[in-house]
Amino acid sequence: KGTPNWVSWHLSSARVGDAPRPSYFNTDVTLPSGWYRVSTSDYTNTGFDRGHLCPASDRDFTDAEIKNTFIMTNVMPQAPYNNQQPWRLLEEYCRTLADAGDEMYIIAGPYGLGGSGSNGGVTTTIANGNVTVPSYTWKVILVLPNGDNDVARVNVNTRVIAVWVPNTHTGLTTDWSQYRTSVDYIESQTGYDFFSNVPKAIQAVIEAKTDTGPSH
C-alpha cells in the first residue's frame, strides 16, 4: 500500500528532548528489492500531508532518533486538517502526560481506502497508484505511571485511549476526544489484536471501554 500497516512506540519523558526538527523526508532504502520506495515528492501537490505515525516530537532526544521519524515508512497520506488539528492535539496531550510522569504504549495506523484532502473530492491513491490514501486514521494508547514490569502493572482500571478519525480535510473538529472509541472497535475493523501480552480477562475490560478522561 505504500504506507505502514501500523507503527508502535513507547513514549516517556526520557524520549523527549530538543533535537532540531529535520527539514526533509528520506526514502526507506532498507525495503526489500522490488518494493516501491516512496519518496517525499510522491506527496507533492496531492492535497495530503506527509503524516507522521510516530511523531517527531516523541523522538527528539537525539538527532538520529528524530531523523528516523522522517523516513517515509513512518508516513501516511493524511488530510491536512486531520493531521494538523485533532491528530496533532492528541500527540501533544500524550506528551503532557509524559511530562507529568506517565509512560505510554502507542500503536497508530491507516485504515481503508479513500480520503478527502485539501484538493477536494475523494482520492484513493497517490504516486501513480503506489500509495494508498486511507479513509481513517487510528491510534490506541495504553497509559501507565512510570515504573517497571509494565505488563504486570496493567489492571482493569488502566487508562486506554483509542481514536478513529475520518481522513478528511473538512467537517472535523479540533477536539480529538470527539473521535474516541474502544480498542475492541478498532480491532474489529483492522483485524489486529492489541495488548496481547496482557492477561485476557484484563484485556476484555480495558479494550471494551471508551475513554472518558481529560483531553487536555
C-alpha atoms as a PDB file:
ATOM      1  CA  LYS A   1       0.000   0.000   0.000  1.00  0.00           C
ATOM      2  CA  GLY A   2       2.991   2.324   0.191  1.00  0.00           C
ATOM      3  CA  THR A   3       2.202   3.067   3.841  1.00  0.00           C
ATOM      4  CA  PRO A   4       2.961   1.341   7.128  1.00  0.00           C
ATOM      5  CA  ASN A   5       0.228  -1.035   8.297  1.00  0.00           C
ATOM      6  CA  TRP A   6       0.936   0.229  11.807  1.00  0.00           C
ATOM      7  CA  VAL A   7       3.711   1.840  13.822  1.00  0.00           C
ATOM      8  CA  SER A   8       4.246   1.152  17.519  1.00  0.00           C
ATOM      9  CA  TRP A   9       6.386   3.028  20.044  1.00  0.00           C
ATOM     10  CA  HIS A  10       6.906   3.710  23.724  1.00  0.00           C
ATOM     11  CA  LEU A  11       6.651   7.286  24.963  1.00  0.00           C
ATOM     12  CA  SER A  12       8.034   8.676  28.190  1.00  0.00           C
ATOM     13  CA  SER A  13       9.764  11.892  29.222  1.00  0.00           C
ATOM     14  CA  ALA A  14      13.088  10.140  28.579  1.00  0.00           C
ATOM     15  CA  ARG A  15      12.302  10.189  24.836  1.00  0.00           C
ATOM     16  CA  VAL A  16      11.557  13.898  24.643  1.00  0.00           C
ATOM     17  CA  GLY A  17      14.352  16.417  24.123  1.00  0.00           C
ATOM     18  CA  ASP A  18      15.266  19.372  21.965  1.00  0.00           C
ATOM     19  CA  ALA A  19      16.921  17.921  18.864  1.00  0.00           C
ATOM     20  CA  PRO A  20      16.100  20.125  15.853  1.00  0.00           C
ATOM     21  CA  ARG A  21      13.320  19.018  13.533  1.00  0.00           C
ATOM     22  CA  PRO A  22      14.672  17.886  10.129  1.00  0.00           C
ATOM     23  CA  SER A  23      13.554  19.835   7.086  1.00  0.00           C
ATOM     24  CA  TYR A  24      13.308  16.864   4.718  1.00  0.00           C
ATOM     25  CA  PHE A  25      11.950  13.307   4.474  1.00  0.00           C
ATOM     26  CA  ASN A  26      14.014  10.301   3.395  1.00  0.00           C
ATOM     27  CA  THR A  27      13.141   7.280   1.289  1.00  0.00           C
ATOM     28  CA  ASP A  28      13.455   3.990   3.175  1.00  0.00           C
ATOM     29  CA  VAL A  29      16.339   2.303   1.372  1.00  0.00           C
ATOM     30  CA  THR A  30      16.100  -0.770   3.639  1.00  0.00           C
ATOM     31  CA  LEU A  31      12.934  -2.042   1.937  1.00  0.00           C
ATOM     32  CA  PRO A  32      13.326  -5.303   0.005  1.00  0.00           C
ATOM     33  CA  SER A  33      14.271  -5.034  -3.642  1.00  0.00           C
ATOM     34  CA  GLY A  34      11.192  -4.878  -5.841  1.00  0.00           C
ATOM     35  CA  TRP A  35       9.153  -2.961  -3.276  1.00  0.00           C
ATOM     36  CA  TYR A  36       8.054   0.529  -4.221  1.00  0.00           C
ATOM     37  CA  ARG A  37      10.139   3.026  -2.296  1.00  0.00           C
ATOM     38  CA  VAL A  38       8.027   6.058  -1.517  1.00  0.00           C
ATOM     39  CA  SER A  39       9.740   9.415  -1.896  1.00  0.00           C
ATOM     40  CA  THR A  40       8.772  12.769  -0.444  1.00  0.00           C
ATOM     41  CA  SER A  41       7.917  14.069  -3.921  1.00  0.00           C
ATOM     42  CA  ASP A  42       5.158  11.445  -4.190  1.00  0.00           C
ATOM     43  CA  TYR A  43       3.117  13.663  -1.848  1.00  0.00           C
ATOM     44  CA  THR A  44       3.789  16.987  -3.594  1.00  0.00           C
ATOM     45  CA  ASN A  45       0.591  18.810  -4.646  1.00  0.00           C
ATOM     46  CA  THR A  46      -1.609  15.827  -3.727  1.00  0.00           C
ATOM     47  CA  GLY A  47      -3.630  17.696  -1.100  1.00  0.00           C
ATOM     48  CA  PHE A  48      -2.341  15.385   1.636  1.00  0.00           C
ATOM     49  CA  ASP A  49       0.234  15.929   4.352  1.00  0.00           C
ATOM     50  CA  ARG A  50       3.143  13.606   4.918  1.00  0.00           C
ATOM     51  CA  GLY A  51       1.552  12.433   8.144  1.00  0.00           C
ATOM     52  CA  HIS A  52       3.892  11.031  10.780  1.00  0.00           C
ATOM     53  CA  LEU A  53       2.681   7.967  12.642  1.00  0.00           C
ATOM     54  CA  CYS A  54       5.325   8.158  15.366  1.00  0.00           C
ATOM     55  CA  PRO A  55       5.595  11.935  15.857  1.00  0.00           C
ATOM     56  CA  ALA A  56       8.960  13.630  15.518  1.00  0.00           C
ATOM     57  CA  SER A  57       8.491  15.255  18.923  1.00  0.00           C
ATOM     58  CA  ASP A  58       8.094  11.837  20.581  1.00  0.00           C
ATOM     59  CA  ARG A  59      11.651  11.020  19.449  1.00  0.00           C
ATOM     60  CA  ASP A  60      13.609  14.261  19.618  1.00  0.00           C
ATOM     61  CA  PHE A  61      16.086  13.312  22.342  1.00  0.00           C
ATOM     62  CA  THR A  62      18.802  12.657  19.728  1.00  0.00           C
ATOM     63  CA  ASP A  63      19.384  13.766  16.148  1.00  0.00           C
ATOM     64  CA  ALA A  64      19.446  10.150  14.973  1.00  0.00           C
ATOM     65  CA  GLU A  65      16.121   9.297  16.577  1.00  0.00           C
ATOM     66  CA  ILE A  66      14.224  12.297  15.227  1.00  0.00           C
ATOM     67  CA  LYS A  67      15.635  11.684  11.743  1.00  0.00           C
ATOM     68  CA  ASN A  68      14.249   8.150  11.865  1.00  0.00           C
ATOM     69  CA  THR A  69      10.732   9.558  12.166  1.00  0.00           C
ATOM     70  CA  PHE A  70      11.260  11.334   8.826  1.00  0.00           C
ATOM     71  CA  ILE A  71      11.721   8.085   6.890  1.00  0.00           C
ATOM     72  CA  MET A  72       8.792   7.600   4.507  1.00  0.00           C
ATOM     73  CA  THR A  73       7.829   4.233   6.028  1.00  0.00           C
ATOM     74  CA  ASN A  74       6.671   6.255   9.076  1.00  0.00           C
ATOM     75  CA  VAL A  75       4.372   8.345   6.880  1.00  0.00           C
ATOM     76  CA  MET A  76       0.791   8.090   5.574  1.00  0.00           C
ATOM     77  CA  PRO A  77      -1.268  10.417   3.345  1.00  0.00           C
ATOM     78  CA  GLN A  78      -3.147  12.457   5.917  1.00  0.00           C
ATOM     79  CA  ALA A  79      -5.719  15.139   5.216  1.00  0.00           C
ATOM     80  CA  PRO A  80      -4.172  18.419   6.425  1.00  0.00           C
ATOM     81  CA  TYR A  81      -6.912  19.270   8.943  1.00  0.00           C
ATOM     82  CA  ASN A  82      -6.873  15.749  10.385  1.00  0.00           C
ATOM     83  CA  ASN A  83      -3.087  15.887  10.756  1.00  0.00           C
ATOM     84  CA  GLN A  84      -2.705  19.456  11.956  1.00  0.00           C
ATOM     85  CA  GLN A  85      -5.651  19.653  14.334  1.00  0.00           C
ATOM     86  CA  PRO A  86      -7.136  16.633  16.218  1.00  0.00           C
ATOM     87  CA  TRP A  87      -4.206  14.296  15.437  1.00  0.00           C
ATOM     88  CA  ARG A  88      -1.613  16.891  16.466  1.00  0.00           C
ATOM     89  CA  LEU A  89      -3.503  17.851  19.611  1.00  0.00           C
ATOM     90  CA  LEU A  90      -3.710  14.214  20.718  1.00  0.00           C
ATOM     91  CA  GLU A  91       0.040  13.890  20.180  1.00  0.00           C
ATOM     92  CA  GLU A  92       0.597  16.977  22.313  1.00  0.00           C
ATOM     93  CA  TYR A  93      -1.734  15.661  25.007  1.00  0.00           C
ATOM     94  CA  CYS A  94       0.282  12.434  25.207  1.00  0.00           C
ATOM     95  CA  ARG A  95       3.444  14.449  25.733  1.00  0.00           C
ATOM     96  CA  THR A  96       1.775  16.371  28.565  1.00  0.00           C
ATOM     97  CA  LEU A  97       1.032  13.002  30.192  1.00  0.00           C
ATOM     98  CA  ALA A  98       4.686  12.036  29.742  1.00  0.00           C
ATOM     99  CA  ASP A  99       5.790  15.327  31.305  1.00  0.00           C
ATOM    100  CA  ALA A 100       3.502  14.589  34.261  1.00  0.00           C
ATOM    101  CA  GLY A 101       5.110  11.191  34.921  1.00  0.00           C
ATOM    102  CA  ASP A 102       3.270   8.714  32.721  1.00  0.00           C
ATOM    103  CA  GLU A 103       4.612   6.342  30.097  1.00  0.00           C
ATOM    104  CA  MET A 104       2.611   5.127  27.123  1.00  0.00           C
ATOM    105  CA  TYR A 105       2.493   2.273  24.661  1.00  0.00           C
ATOM    106  CA  ILE A 106       1.125   3.659  21.405  1.00  0.00           C
ATOM    107  CA  ILE A 107       0.110   1.992  18.136  1.00  0.00           C
ATOM    108  CA  ALA A 108      -1.158   4.001  15.171  1.00  0.00           C
ATOM    109  CA  GLY A 109      -2.057   3.283  11.580  1.00  0.00           C
ATOM    110  CA  PRO A 110      -4.160   3.966   8.495  1.00  0.00           C
ATOM    111  CA  TYR A 111      -7.364   2.138   7.578  1.00  0.00           C
ATOM    112  CA  GLY A 112      -9.454   1.773   4.451  1.00  0.00           C
ATOM    113  CA  LEU A 113      -9.375   3.282   1.010  1.00  0.00           C
ATOM    114  CA  GLY A 114     -10.146   6.857   0.024  1.00  0.00           C
ATOM    115  CA  GLY A 115      -9.636  10.130   1.850  1.00  0.00           C
ATOM    116  CA  SER A 116     -10.505  13.747   1.147  1.00  0.00           C
ATOM    117  CA  GLY A 117      -7.575  16.160   1.138  1.00  0.00           C
ATOM    118  CA  SER A 118      -7.268  19.878   0.594  1.00  0.00           C
ATOM    119  CA  ASN A 119      -7.782  19.485  -3.167  1.00  0.00           C
ATOM    120  CA  GLY A 120     -11.346  18.268  -2.544  1.00  0.00           C
ATOM    121  CA  GLY A 121     -13.113  15.137  -3.701  1.00  0.00           C
ATOM    122  CA  VAL A 122     -12.100  11.622  -2.695  1.00  0.00           C
ATOM    123  CA  THR A 123      -8.629  10.346  -3.530  1.00  0.00           C
ATOM    124  CA  THR A 124      -7.914   6.621  -3.319  1.00  0.00           C
ATOM    125  CA  THR A 125      -4.228   6.587  -4.275  1.00  0.00           C
ATOM    126  CA  ILE A 126      -1.309   8.908  -4.978  1.00  0.00           C
ATOM    127  CA  ALA A 127       2.117   8.284  -6.539  1.00  0.00           C
ATOM    128  CA  ASN A 128       0.604   6.714  -9.684  1.00  0.00           C
ATOM    129  CA  GLY A 129      -1.257   4.144  -7.624  1.00  0.00           C
ATOM    130  CA  ASN A 130       1.695   3.184  -5.458  1.00  0.00           C
ATOM    131  CA  VAL A 131       0.463   4.804  -2.217  1.00  0.00           C
ATOM    132  CA  THR A 132      -2.991   4.099  -0.788  1.00  0.00           C
ATOM    133  CA  VAL A 133      -4.883   7.011   0.771  1.00  0.00           C
ATOM    134  CA  PRO A 134      -6.686   5.756   3.907  1.00  0.00           C
ATOM    135  CA  SER A 135     -10.253   6.594   4.832  1.00  0.00           C
ATOM    136  CA  TYR A 136      -9.491   6.706   8.568  1.00  0.00           C
ATOM    137  CA  THR A 137      -6.511   7.230  10.861  1.00  0.00           C
ATOM    138  CA  TRP A 138      -6.484   5.386  14.174  1.00  0.00           C
ATOM    139  CA  LYS A 139      -4.453   5.227  17.362  1.00  0.00           C
ATOM    140  CA  VAL A 140      -4.533   3.209  20.594  1.00  0.00           C
ATOM    141  CA  ILE A 141      -2.685   4.372  23.719  1.00  0.00           C
ATOM    142  CA  LEU A 142      -2.121   2.474  26.966  1.00  0.00           C
ATOM    143  CA  VAL A 143      -1.183   4.820  29.832  1.00  0.00           C
ATOM    144  CA  LEU A 144       0.796   3.785  32.911  1.00  0.00           C
ATOM    145  CA  PRO A 145       2.608   5.730  35.629  1.00  0.00           C
ATOM    146  CA  ASN A 146       6.370   5.468  35.158  1.00  0.00           C
ATOM    147  CA  GLY A 147       7.709   2.209  36.555  1.00  0.00           C
ATOM    148  CA  ASP A 148       8.992  -1.273  35.798  1.00  0.00           C
ATOM    149  CA  ASN A 149       7.389  -4.631  34.935  1.00  0.00           C
ATOM    150  CA  ASP A 150       4.870  -2.821  32.782  1.00  0.00           C
ATOM    151  CA  VAL A 151       2.716  -5.771  31.672  1.00  0.00           C
ATOM    152  CA  ALA A 152       2.270  -6.877  35.288  1.00  0.00           C
ATOM    153  CA  ARG A 153       1.099  -3.375  36.241  1.00  0.00           C
ATOM    154  CA  VAL A 154      -1.790  -3.273  33.752  1.00  0.00           C
ATOM    155  CA  ASN A 155      -5.132  -3.804  35.501  1.00  0.00           C
ATOM    156  CA  VAL A 156      -8.826  -3.280  34.782  1.00  0.00           C
ATOM    157  CA  ASN A 157      -8.528   0.396  35.757  1.00  0.00           C
ATOM    158  CA  THR A 158      -5.594   1.154  33.434  1.00  0.00           C
ATOM    159  CA  ARG A 159      -6.397   4.030  31.111  1.00  0.00           C
ATOM    160  CA  VAL A 160      -6.605   3.183  27.430  1.00  0.00           C
ATOM    161  CA  ILE A 161      -7.348   5.823  24.782  1.00  0.00           C
ATOM    162  CA  ALA A 162      -8.468   4.818  21.283  1.00  0.00           C
ATOM    163  CA  VAL A 163      -9.374   7.167  18.421  1.00  0.00           C
ATOM    164  CA  TRP A 164     -10.810   6.588  14.960  1.00  0.00           C
ATOM    165  CA  VAL A 165     -10.639   9.768  12.872  1.00  0.00           C
ATOM    166  CA  PRO A 166     -12.055  10.278   9.341  1.00  0.00           C
ATOM    167  CA  ASN A 167      -9.260  11.172   6.928  1.00  0.00           C
ATOM    168  CA  THR A 168     -10.949  14.304   5.666  1.00  0.00           C
ATOM    169  CA  HIS A 169      -9.952  17.945   5.410  1.00  0.00           C
ATOM    170  CA  THR A 170     -13.418  19.366   6.147  1.00  0.00           C
ATOM    171  CA  GLY A 171     -16.113  18.615   8.689  1.00  0.00           C
ATOM    172  CA  LEU A 172     -13.782  17.702  11.553  1.00  0.00           C
ATOM    173  CA  THR A 173     -13.459  19.314  14.955  1.00  0.00           C
ATOM    174  CA  THR A 174     -10.187  20.254  16.625  1.00  0.00           C
ATOM    175  CA  ASP A 175     -11.315  18.243  19.671  1.00  0.00           C
ATOM    176  CA  TRP A 176      -9.679  14.826  19.365  1.00  0.00           C
ATOM    177  CA  SER A 177     -11.821  13.497  22.202  1.00  0.00           C
ATOM    178  CA  GLN A 178     -14.826  13.533  19.862  1.00  0.00           C
ATOM    179  CA  TYR A 179     -13.240  10.624  17.957  1.00  0.00           C
ATOM    180  CA  ARG A 180     -12.756   8.334  20.945  1.00  0.00           C
ATOM    181  CA  THR A 181     -13.891   4.746  20.576  1.00  0.00           C
ATOM    182  CA  SER A 182     -12.998   1.373  22.077  1.00  0.00           C
ATOM    183  CA  VAL A 183      -9.965  -0.745  21.299  1.00  0.00           C
ATOM    184  CA  ASP A 184     -12.428  -3.541  20.541  1.00  0.00           C
ATOM    185  CA  TYR A 185     -13.914  -1.418  17.751  1.00  0.00           C
ATOM    186  CA  ILE A 186     -10.534  -0.733  16.143  1.00  0.00           C
ATOM    187  CA  GLU A 187      -9.656  -4.429  16.443  1.00  0.00           C
ATOM    188  CA  SER A 188     -12.940  -5.315  14.735  1.00  0.00           C
ATOM    189  CA  GLN A 189     -12.141  -3.022  11.822  1.00  0.00           C
ATOM    190  CA  THR A 190      -8.421  -3.750  11.392  1.00  0.00           C
ATOM    191  CA  GLY A 191      -8.202  -7.392  12.418  1.00  0.00           C
ATOM    192  CA  TYR A 192      -5.346  -6.600  14.807  1.00  0.00           C
ATOM    193  CA  ASP A 193      -5.029  -7.894  18.372  1.00  0.00           C
ATOM    194  CA  PHE A 194      -3.684  -5.137  20.611  1.00  0.00           C
ATOM    195  CA  PHE A 195      -2.123  -5.535  24.077  1.00  0.00           C
ATOM    196  CA  SER A 196      -1.947  -9.305  23.582  1.00  0.00           C
ATOM    197  CA  ASN A 197       0.634  -9.770  26.363  1.00  0.00           C
ATOM    198  CA  VAL A 198      -1.900  -8.537  28.908  1.00  0.00           C
ATOM    199  CA  PRO A 199      -3.993 -11.298  30.571  1.00  0.00           C
ATOM    200  CA  LYS A 200      -7.175 -11.895  28.575  1.00  0.00           C
ATOM    201  CA  ALA A 201      -9.521 -11.096  31.467  1.00  0.00           C
ATOM    202  CA  ILE A 202      -7.911  -7.660  31.820  1.00  0.00           C
ATOM    203  CA  GLN A 203      -7.825  -7.130  28.049  1.00  0.00           C
ATOM    204  CA  ALA A 204     -11.551  -7.825  27.910  1.00  0.00           C
ATOM    205  CA  VAL A 205     -12.278  -4.975  30.318  1.00  0.00           C
ATOM    206  CA  ILE A 206      -9.869  -2.275  29.148  1.00  0.00           C
ATOM    207  CA  GLU A 207     -10.464  -2.894  25.435  1.00  0.00           C
ATOM    208  CA  ALA A 208     -14.265  -2.650  25.725  1.00  0.00           C
ATOM    209  CA  LYS A 209     -14.298   0.786  27.350  1.00  0.00           C
ATOM    210  CA  THR A 210     -14.342   4.130  25.560  1.00  0.00           C
ATOM    211  CA  ASP A 211     -12.123   6.594  27.413  1.00  0.00           C
ATOM    212  CA  THR A 212     -13.870   9.459  29.207  1.00  0.00           C
ATOM    213  CA  GLY A 213     -10.814  11.011  30.852  1.00  0.00           C
ATOM    214  CA  PRO A 214      -9.370  14.506  30.347  1.00  0.00           C
ATOM    215  CA  SER A 215      -8.441  15.583  26.826  1.00  0.00           C
ATOM    216  CA  HIS A 216      -6.088  18.474  27.525  1.00  0.00           C
END
